[in-house]
């Protein structure tokens, strides 16, 4: 069985911490108002660690944006088996889930406001 080395596991944990911190801060304050210093402090890593995983703040934001889009996809498009008579109700349900998901303030800021500018 293949097992990741301790170094690779630590690298994955660092990347995940940066993505979580970025999502929280970008979602709360926005891209322009969030500094790299705040992100590394929240992630409890060094700036060098950030630059090891991401070229710059824009690249980190784009990775956060992609993660949020995947989250939304899971909410709006969970796997389902449908009978033909359930298709319309499912469409209405998914539209409602899409709207509800986008009313989260952090999703609104990241996906609808900042992503276009970044």
N, C-alpha and C. Protein backbone atom coordinates (compact mmCIF):
# COMPACT_ATOMS: atom_id res chain seq x y z
N UNK A 1 0.84 -1.18 0.00
CA UNK A 1 0.00 0.00 0.00
C UNK A 1 0.89 1.25 0.00
N UNK A 2 0.50 2.23 -0.80
CA UNK A 2 1.24 3.49 -0.90
C UNK A 2 0.88 4.41 0.26
N UNK A 3 1.90 4.95 0.89
CA UNK A 3 1.67 5.91 1.98
C UNK A 3 2.52 7.14 1.72
N UNK A 4 1.92 8.31 1.88
CA UNK A 4 2.64 9.55 1.68
C UNK A 4 3.71 9.71 2.75
N UNK A 5 4.80 10.33 2.35
CA UNK A 5 5.85 10.61 3.32
C UNK A 5 5.37 11.71 4.28
N UNK A 6 6.01 11.78 5.41
CA UNK A 6 5.67 12.79 6.41
C UNK A 6 5.81 14.20 5.81
N UNK A 7 6.81 14.39 5.00
CA UNK A 7 7.05 15.70 4.39
C UNK A 7 5.90 16.08 3.44
N UNK A 8 5.43 15.12 2.64
CA UNK A 8 4.31 15.39 1.74
C UNK A 8 3.03 15.67 2.53
N UNK A 9 2.80 14.93 3.62
CA UNK A 9 1.63 15.16 4.46
C UNK A 9 1.68 16.56 5.07
N UNK A 10 2.84 16.98 5.52
CA UNK A 10 2.98 18.32 6.09
C UNK A 10 2.74 19.39 5.03
N UNK A 11 3.23 19.15 3.83
CA UNK A 11 3.00 20.08 2.73
C UNK A 11 1.52 20.20 2.41
N UNK A 12 0.83 19.07 2.39
CA UNK A 12 -0.62 19.09 2.14
C UNK A 12 -1.35 19.84 3.25
N UNK A 13 -0.92 19.63 4.49
CA UNK A 13 -1.55 20.31 5.63
C UNK A 13 -1.32 21.82 5.55
N UNK A 14 -0.12 22.22 5.14
CA UNK A 14 0.19 23.65 5.00
C UNK A 14 -0.66 24.27 3.90
N UNK A 15 -0.75 23.60 2.78
CA UNK A 15 -1.57 24.11 1.66
C UNK A 15 -3.03 24.24 2.09
N UNK A 16 -3.55 23.23 2.78
CA UNK A 16 -4.93 23.27 3.25
C UNK A 16 -5.14 24.41 4.25
N UNK A 17 -4.19 24.63 5.14
CA UNK A 17 -4.30 25.73 6.11
C UNK A 17 -4.33 27.08 5.39
N UNK A 18 -3.53 27.23 4.37
CA UNK A 18 -3.52 28.48 3.60
C UNK A 18 -4.85 28.67 2.86
N UNK A 19 -5.37 27.61 2.28
CA UNK A 19 -6.65 27.71 1.58
C UNK A 19 -7.78 28.05 2.55
N UNK A 20 -7.78 27.43 3.72
CA UNK A 20 -8.82 27.72 4.71
C UNK A 20 -8.72 29.16 5.19
N UNK A 21 -7.51 29.61 5.49
CA UNK A 21 -7.33 30.99 5.94
C UNK A 21 -7.72 31.96 4.84
N UNK A 22 -7.31 31.67 3.62
CA UNK A 22 -7.68 32.52 2.49
C UNK A 22 -9.17 32.59 2.30
N UNK A 23 -9.84 31.45 2.39
CA UNK A 23 -11.30 31.44 2.22
C UNK A 23 -11.97 32.27 3.30
N UNK A 24 -11.53 32.09 4.52
CA UNK A 24 -12.13 32.85 5.63
C UNK A 24 -11.91 34.35 5.46
N UNK A 25 -10.69 34.74 5.18
CA UNK A 25 -10.37 36.17 5.08
C UNK A 25 -10.92 36.81 3.81
N UNK A 26 -10.76 36.13 2.68
CA UNK A 26 -11.33 36.68 1.44
C UNK A 26 -12.85 36.78 1.56
N UNK A 27 -13.46 35.79 2.19
CA UNK A 27 -14.90 35.80 2.37
C UNK A 27 -15.38 36.90 3.30
N UNK A 28 -14.59 37.21 4.32
CA UNK A 28 -14.99 38.21 5.31
C UNK A 28 -14.62 39.63 4.90
N UNK A 29 -13.43 39.80 4.35
CA UNK A 29 -12.91 41.14 4.08
C UNK A 29 -12.82 41.49 2.61
N UNK A 30 -12.77 40.48 1.77
CA UNK A 30 -12.58 40.71 0.35
C UNK A 30 -11.12 40.60 -0.04
N UNK A 31 -10.91 40.42 -1.32
CA UNK A 31 -9.56 40.23 -1.86
C UNK A 31 -8.67 41.45 -1.61
N UNK A 32 -9.15 42.62 -1.96
CA UNK A 32 -8.32 43.83 -1.87
C UNK A 32 -7.94 44.18 -0.44
N UNK A 33 -8.82 43.88 0.50
CA UNK A 33 -8.59 44.26 1.90
C UNK A 33 -7.84 43.19 2.70
N UNK A 34 -7.52 42.08 2.08
CA UNK A 34 -6.82 40.99 2.76
C UNK A 34 -5.35 41.00 2.37
N UNK A 35 -4.49 41.02 3.37
CA UNK A 35 -3.05 41.01 3.10
C UNK A 35 -2.49 39.60 3.25
N UNK A 36 -1.36 39.39 2.59
CA UNK A 36 -0.68 38.10 2.74
C UNK A 36 -0.24 37.88 4.19
N UNK A 37 0.15 38.95 4.86
CA UNK A 37 0.54 38.83 6.27
C UNK A 37 -0.61 38.28 7.11
N UNK A 38 -1.83 38.75 6.86
CA UNK A 38 -2.99 38.25 7.60
C UNK A 38 -3.24 36.77 7.29
N UNK A 39 -3.05 36.40 6.05
CA UNK A 39 -3.30 35.02 5.65
C UNK A 39 -2.31 34.07 6.32
N UNK A 40 -1.02 34.41 6.27
CA UNK A 40 -0.03 33.51 6.88
C UNK A 40 -0.18 33.47 8.40
N UNK A 41 -0.58 34.59 8.99
CA UNK A 41 -0.82 34.59 10.43
C UNK A 41 -2.00 33.69 10.78
N UNK A 42 -3.08 33.79 10.03
CA UNK A 42 -4.26 32.96 10.29
C UNK A 42 -3.96 31.48 10.05
N UNK A 43 -3.13 31.19 9.05
CA UNK A 43 -2.79 29.81 8.72
C UNK A 43 -1.69 29.26 9.63
N UNK A 44 -1.06 30.16 10.38
CA UNK A 44 0.05 29.81 11.27
C UNK A 44 1.21 29.17 10.50
N UNK A 45 1.56 29.83 9.39
CA UNK A 45 2.70 29.40 8.58
C UNK A 45 3.52 30.64 8.24
N UNK A 46 4.65 30.41 7.60
CA UNK A 46 5.51 31.52 7.19
C UNK A 46 5.12 31.99 5.79
N UNK A 47 5.57 33.18 5.46
CA UNK A 47 5.33 33.69 4.12
C UNK A 47 6.06 32.83 3.08
N UNK A 48 7.21 32.29 3.46
CA UNK A 48 7.93 31.39 2.57
C UNK A 48 7.11 30.16 2.23
N UNK A 49 6.37 29.65 3.22
CA UNK A 49 5.50 28.49 2.98
C UNK A 49 4.40 28.85 1.99
N UNK A 50 3.85 30.05 2.14
CA UNK A 50 2.82 30.50 1.21
C UNK A 50 3.38 30.53 -0.22
N UNK A 51 4.57 31.12 -0.36
CA UNK A 51 5.16 31.23 -1.70
C UNK A 51 5.64 29.88 -2.24
N UNK A 52 5.82 28.90 -1.37
CA UNK A 52 6.15 27.57 -1.84
C UNK A 52 4.95 26.94 -2.55
N UNK A 53 3.75 27.23 -2.05
CA UNK A 53 2.54 26.63 -2.59
C UNK A 53 1.83 27.50 -3.63
N UNK A 54 1.97 28.81 -3.53
CA UNK A 54 1.27 29.74 -4.42
C UNK A 54 2.24 30.84 -4.85
N UNK A 55 2.15 31.23 -6.11
CA UNK A 55 3.05 32.26 -6.63
C UNK A 55 2.78 33.63 -6.02
N UNK A 56 1.51 33.90 -5.69
CA UNK A 56 1.14 35.21 -5.17
C UNK A 56 -0.28 35.16 -4.61
N UNK A 57 -0.77 36.28 -4.14
CA UNK A 57 -2.11 36.35 -3.56
C UNK A 57 -3.17 36.00 -4.60
N UNK A 58 -2.98 36.43 -5.80
CA UNK A 58 -3.95 36.14 -6.86
C UNK A 58 -4.09 34.64 -7.07
N UNK A 59 -2.99 33.92 -7.11
CA UNK A 59 -3.05 32.47 -7.31
C UNK A 59 -3.75 31.79 -6.13
N UNK A 60 -3.46 32.25 -4.92
CA UNK A 60 -4.16 31.70 -3.75
C UNK A 60 -5.66 31.97 -3.88
N UNK A 61 -6.04 33.19 -4.23
CA UNK A 61 -7.45 33.52 -4.39
C UNK A 61 -8.11 32.62 -5.43
N UNK A 62 -7.45 32.43 -6.56
CA UNK A 62 -8.04 31.61 -7.63
C UNK A 62 -8.24 30.17 -7.16
N UNK A 63 -7.34 29.66 -6.33
CA UNK A 63 -7.51 28.32 -5.77
C UNK A 63 -8.66 28.29 -4.78
N UNK A 64 -8.80 29.34 -3.98
CA UNK A 64 -9.94 29.44 -3.06
C UNK A 64 -11.23 29.50 -3.87
N UNK A 65 -11.26 30.30 -4.91
CA UNK A 65 -12.43 30.44 -5.78
C UNK A 65 -12.82 29.08 -6.37
N UNK A 66 -11.85 28.34 -6.85
CA UNK A 66 -12.13 27.01 -7.41
C UNK A 66 -12.72 26.08 -6.36
N UNK A 67 -12.19 26.15 -5.13
CA UNK A 67 -12.70 25.31 -4.05
C UNK A 67 -14.15 25.68 -3.71
N UNK A 68 -14.45 26.98 -3.70
CA UNK A 68 -15.81 27.43 -3.41
C UNK A 68 -16.76 26.96 -4.52
N UNK A 69 -16.32 27.04 -5.77
CA UNK A 69 -17.15 26.57 -6.87
C UNK A 69 -17.44 25.07 -6.74
N UNK A 70 -16.46 24.29 -6.31
CA UNK A 70 -16.68 22.85 -6.10
C UNK A 70 -17.67 22.62 -4.97
N UNK A 71 -17.56 23.41 -3.89
CA UNK A 71 -18.52 23.31 -2.79
C UNK A 71 -19.93 23.57 -3.31
N UNK A 72 -20.07 24.63 -4.09
CA UNK A 72 -21.38 24.99 -4.64
C UNK A 72 -21.91 23.88 -5.54
N UNK A 73 -21.04 23.29 -6.32
CA UNK A 73 -21.45 22.19 -7.19
C UNK A 73 -22.00 21.02 -6.39
N UNK A 74 -21.37 20.74 -5.25
CA UNK A 74 -21.85 19.66 -4.40
C UNK A 74 -23.20 19.95 -3.78
N UNK A 75 -23.45 21.23 -3.51
CA UNK A 75 -24.73 21.63 -2.92
C UNK A 75 -25.83 21.62 -3.99
N UNK A 76 -25.52 22.16 -5.14
CA UNK A 76 -26.53 22.33 -6.19
C UNK A 76 -26.72 21.05 -7.01
N UNK A 77 -25.67 20.27 -7.17
CA UNK A 77 -25.74 19.09 -8.03
C UNK A 77 -25.34 17.81 -7.30
N UNK A 78 -26.00 17.50 -6.18
CA UNK A 78 -25.68 16.22 -5.54
C UNK A 78 -26.15 15.08 -6.44
N UNK A 79 -25.46 13.95 -6.39
CA UNK A 79 -25.89 12.84 -7.26
C UNK A 79 -27.28 12.35 -6.87
N UNK A 80 -28.11 12.18 -7.87
CA UNK A 80 -29.49 11.73 -7.64
C UNK A 80 -29.92 10.81 -8.77
N UNK A 81 -30.77 9.89 -8.43
CA UNK A 81 -31.44 9.07 -9.44
C UNK A 81 -32.88 9.55 -9.50
N UNK A 82 -33.30 9.90 -10.69
CA UNK A 82 -34.64 10.47 -10.84
C UNK A 82 -35.50 9.65 -11.79
N UNK A 83 -36.75 9.63 -11.44
CA UNK A 83 -37.74 9.10 -12.38
C UNK A 83 -38.14 10.26 -13.29
N UNK A 84 -38.63 9.98 -14.47
CA UNK A 84 -39.02 11.06 -15.39
C UNK A 84 -39.99 12.07 -14.79
N UNK A 85 -40.90 11.63 -13.92
CA UNK A 85 -41.88 12.56 -13.35
C UNK A 85 -41.29 13.43 -12.23
N UNK A 86 -40.04 13.21 -11.86
CA UNK A 86 -39.38 13.99 -10.80
C UNK A 86 -38.46 15.08 -11.33
N UNK A 87 -38.26 15.12 -12.63
CA UNK A 87 -37.28 16.03 -13.22
C UNK A 87 -37.60 17.49 -12.93
N UNK A 88 -38.85 17.91 -13.13
CA UNK A 88 -39.20 19.31 -12.90
C UNK A 88 -38.99 19.72 -11.45
N UNK A 89 -39.48 18.91 -10.51
CA UNK A 89 -39.31 19.22 -9.09
C UNK A 89 -37.83 19.27 -8.72
N UNK A 90 -37.03 18.40 -9.32
CA UNK A 90 -35.59 18.41 -9.05
C UNK A 90 -34.96 19.70 -9.57
N UNK A 91 -35.36 20.14 -10.75
CA UNK A 91 -34.83 21.38 -11.30
C UNK A 91 -35.16 22.56 -10.40
N UNK A 92 -36.40 22.64 -9.94
CA UNK A 92 -36.82 23.72 -9.04
C UNK A 92 -36.02 23.66 -7.74
N UNK A 93 -35.82 22.47 -7.22
CA UNK A 93 -35.05 22.29 -5.98
C UNK A 93 -33.61 22.75 -6.16
N UNK A 94 -33.01 22.39 -7.27
CA UNK A 94 -31.62 22.78 -7.53
C UNK A 94 -31.49 24.29 -7.73
N UNK A 95 -32.45 24.91 -8.36
CA UNK A 95 -32.44 26.38 -8.52
C UNK A 95 -32.50 27.05 -7.15
N UNK A 96 -33.36 26.54 -6.29
CA UNK A 96 -33.45 27.08 -4.93
C UNK A 96 -32.16 26.89 -4.17
N UNK A 97 -31.53 25.72 -4.31
CA UNK A 97 -30.25 25.46 -3.64
C UNK A 97 -29.17 26.40 -4.15
N UNK A 98 -29.18 26.68 -5.46
CA UNK A 98 -28.22 27.61 -6.06
C UNK A 98 -28.37 29.00 -5.45
N UNK A 99 -29.59 29.47 -5.37
CA UNK A 99 -29.84 30.81 -4.80
C UNK A 99 -29.46 30.84 -3.33
N UNK A 100 -29.88 29.83 -2.58
CA UNK A 100 -29.54 29.78 -1.15
C UNK A 100 -28.04 29.77 -0.93
N UNK A 101 -27.32 28.98 -1.71
CA UNK A 101 -25.86 28.88 -1.55
C UNK A 101 -25.18 30.22 -1.81
N UNK A 102 -25.71 30.99 -2.74
CA UNK A 102 -25.11 32.28 -3.09
C UNK A 102 -25.51 33.41 -2.14
N UNK A 103 -26.38 33.13 -1.19
CA UNK A 103 -26.71 34.16 -0.21
C UNK A 103 -25.76 34.14 0.98
N UNK A 104 -24.92 33.12 1.07
CA UNK A 104 -23.87 33.10 2.10
C UNK A 104 -22.95 34.29 1.82
N UNK A 105 -22.72 35.17 2.81
CA UNK A 105 -21.92 36.37 2.56
C UNK A 105 -20.52 36.09 2.02
N UNK A 106 -19.87 35.03 2.49
CA UNK A 106 -18.52 34.75 1.99
C UNK A 106 -18.56 34.26 0.55
N UNK A 107 -19.55 33.47 0.20
CA UNK A 107 -19.69 33.01 -1.18
C UNK A 107 -20.02 34.19 -2.08
N UNK A 108 -20.91 35.04 -1.64
CA UNK A 108 -21.28 36.24 -2.39
C UNK A 108 -20.04 37.08 -2.70
N UNK A 109 -19.23 37.31 -1.68
CA UNK A 109 -18.05 38.16 -1.87
C UNK A 109 -17.03 37.49 -2.80
N UNK A 110 -16.73 36.21 -2.55
CA UNK A 110 -15.69 35.53 -3.33
C UNK A 110 -16.14 35.30 -4.77
N UNK A 111 -17.32 34.72 -4.96
CA UNK A 111 -17.76 34.29 -6.28
C UNK A 111 -18.35 35.41 -7.11
N UNK A 112 -19.20 36.20 -6.51
CA UNK A 112 -19.94 37.19 -7.30
C UNK A 112 -19.28 38.57 -7.35
N UNK A 113 -18.51 38.92 -6.33
CA UNK A 113 -17.90 40.25 -6.32
C UNK A 113 -16.42 40.23 -6.72
N UNK A 114 -15.61 39.50 -5.97
CA UNK A 114 -14.16 39.58 -6.17
C UNK A 114 -13.63 38.78 -7.35
N UNK A 115 -14.24 37.65 -7.66
CA UNK A 115 -13.70 36.80 -8.72
C UNK A 115 -13.57 37.53 -10.04
N UNK A 116 -14.53 38.34 -10.38
CA UNK A 116 -14.45 39.10 -11.64
C UNK A 116 -13.28 40.07 -11.65
N UNK A 117 -13.07 40.73 -10.53
CA UNK A 117 -11.97 41.71 -10.46
C UNK A 117 -10.60 41.04 -10.46
N UNK A 118 -10.51 39.90 -9.80
CA UNK A 118 -9.22 39.22 -9.70
C UNK A 118 -8.93 38.51 -11.01
